[in-house]
Amino acid sequence: MRIYPRDSWPFKIIEEPAVTQCIASARAKWPRFDDIWDGLVWLIAHGGHKIGAEERKFGGIGHYVYTYIGDVTVGFPRIVVVCKWTPEAFVLRLLLVSDPTD
């Protein structure tokens, strides 16, 4: 489990262990994974509960899904992240990383 304690961020980000493991695997396959991952984490920390349409919420109050479709030409994978919002933090609960779709 990893915690992103950024003093200037409105919300703390906490990774569940399965997400941390998936990140390690993604880095091995996609050398530019961190370029897009850092941006996604920043967006979530700065109001992930306000990003996107209502249909991004699921499974009761506080769960959100974000999908980055990826771009094979620049080496970015498709990333799907599921997180749960609490008043103190966003908890990253599930991460799926795959080849981008056409």
Protein backbone atom coordinates (compact mmCIF):
# COMPACT_ATOMS: atom_id res chain seq x y z
CA MET A 1 0.00 0.00 0.00
CA ARG A 2 1.26 3.45 -0.89
CA ILE A 3 0.00 6.86 0.23
CA TYR A 4 0.51 10.02 -1.81
CA PRO A 5 0.72 12.72 0.88
CA ARG A 6 0.94 15.90 -1.15
CA ASP A 7 0.73 18.98 1.06
CA SER A 8 -0.76 21.13 -1.68
CA TRP A 9 -3.34 18.55 -2.77
CA PRO A 10 -6.93 18.82 -1.51
CA PHE A 11 -7.23 15.04 -1.05
CA LYS A 12 -4.79 12.34 -0.04
CA ILE A 13 -4.51 9.33 -2.37
CA ILE A 14 -4.18 5.83 -0.93
CA GLU A 15 -3.40 2.78 -3.07
CA GLU A 16 -4.62 -0.63 -2.03
CA PRO A 17 -1.94 -3.34 -2.30
CA ALA A 18 -3.39 -4.84 -5.50
CA VAL A 19 -3.11 -1.45 -7.20
CA THR A 20 0.51 -1.08 -6.13
CA GLN A 21 1.27 -4.52 -7.61
CA CYS A 22 -0.49 -3.65 -10.86
CA ILE A 23 1.52 -0.43 -11.15
CA ALA A 24 4.77 -2.40 -10.86
CA SER A 25 3.65 -4.75 -13.65
CA ALA A 26 2.52 -1.84 -15.84
CA ARG A 27 5.88 -0.07 -15.45
CA ALA A 28 7.65 -3.21 -16.67
CA LYS A 29 5.54 -3.40 -19.83
CA TRP A 30 4.90 0.30 -20.52
CA PRO A 31 8.00 2.48 -20.01
CA ARG A 32 5.89 5.66 -20.22
CA PHE A 33 3.25 4.44 -17.76
CA ASP A 34 4.32 6.92 -15.07
CA ASP A 35 3.80 9.86 -17.44
CA ILE A 36 0.06 9.24 -17.63
CA TRP A 37 -0.34 7.71 -14.14
CA ASP A 38 1.02 10.83 -12.45
CA GLY A 39 -1.55 12.92 -14.33
CA LEU A 40 -4.44 10.62 -13.41
CA VAL A 41 -3.50 10.62 -9.73
CA TRP A 42 -3.23 14.43 -9.78
CA LEU A 43 -6.70 14.75 -11.34
CA ILE A 44 -8.26 12.42 -8.78
CA ALA A 45 -6.57 14.21 -5.87
CA HIS A 46 -7.91 17.54 -7.11
CA GLY A 47 -11.56 16.57 -7.15
CA GLY A 48 -12.01 13.14 -8.67
CA HIS A 49 -15.56 13.07 -7.36
CA LYS A 50 -16.36 16.05 -9.62
CA ILE A 51 -14.65 14.85 -12.81
CA GLY A 52 -16.78 13.38 -15.56
CA ALA A 53 -20.42 12.52 -15.84
CA GLU A 54 -22.71 10.97 -13.23
CA GLU A 55 -22.56 7.58 -14.93
CA ARG A 56 -18.95 7.27 -13.80
CA LYS A 57 -20.27 6.59 -10.29
CA PHE A 58 -21.18 3.01 -9.40
CA GLY A 59 -21.67 0.56 -6.58
CA GLY A 60 -23.23 2.93 -4.12
CA ILE A 61 -22.12 6.25 -2.86
CA GLY A 62 -18.52 7.16 -3.28
CA HIS A 63 -17.17 4.78 -5.96
CA TYR A 64 -15.90 6.22 -9.25
CA VAL A 65 -14.40 4.78 -12.43
CA TYR A 66 -11.99 6.64 -14.68
CA THR A 67 -10.79 5.34 -18.03
CA TYR A 68 -7.91 6.63 -20.08
CA ILE A 69 -8.15 5.04 -23.53
CA GLY A 70 -4.41 5.10 -24.19
CA ASP A 71 -2.42 5.82 -27.31
CA VAL A 72 -0.17 3.17 -28.81
CA THR A 73 1.67 5.71 -31.00
CA VAL A 74 3.12 7.47 -27.93
CA GLY A 75 3.39 4.38 -25.72
CA PHE A 76 0.48 4.99 -23.35
CA PRO A 77 -1.62 1.99 -22.25
CA ARG A 78 -5.34 1.93 -21.59
CA ILE A 79 -5.88 2.54 -17.87
CA VAL A 80 -9.02 1.92 -15.85
CA VAL A 81 -8.97 2.97 -12.20
CA VAL A 82 -11.69 2.42 -9.62
CA CYS A 83 -11.55 4.55 -6.51
CA LYS A 84 -13.64 5.20 -3.44
CA TRP A 85 -14.07 8.69 -2.09
CA THR A 86 -14.07 9.51 1.60
CA PRO A 87 -13.96 13.00 3.10
CA GLU A 88 -10.27 12.47 3.91
CA ALA A 89 -8.93 10.64 0.84
CA PHE A 90 -9.49 8.78 -2.38
CA VAL A 91 -8.71 5.08 -2.04
CA LEU A 92 -7.55 3.48 -5.29
CA ARG A 93 -9.21 0.06 -5.13
CA LEU A 94 -8.69 -1.48 -8.57
CA LEU A 95 -6.41 -0.80 -11.53
CA LEU A 96 -6.53 -2.44 -14.96
CA VAL A 97 -3.81 -1.68 -17.50
CA SER A 98 -4.01 -3.05 -21.02
CA ASP A 99 -3.16 -2.40 -24.64
CA PRO A 100 -5.03 0.63 -26.00
CA THR A 101 -8.05 -0.03 -28.16
CA ASP A 102 -8.27 1.25 -31.72
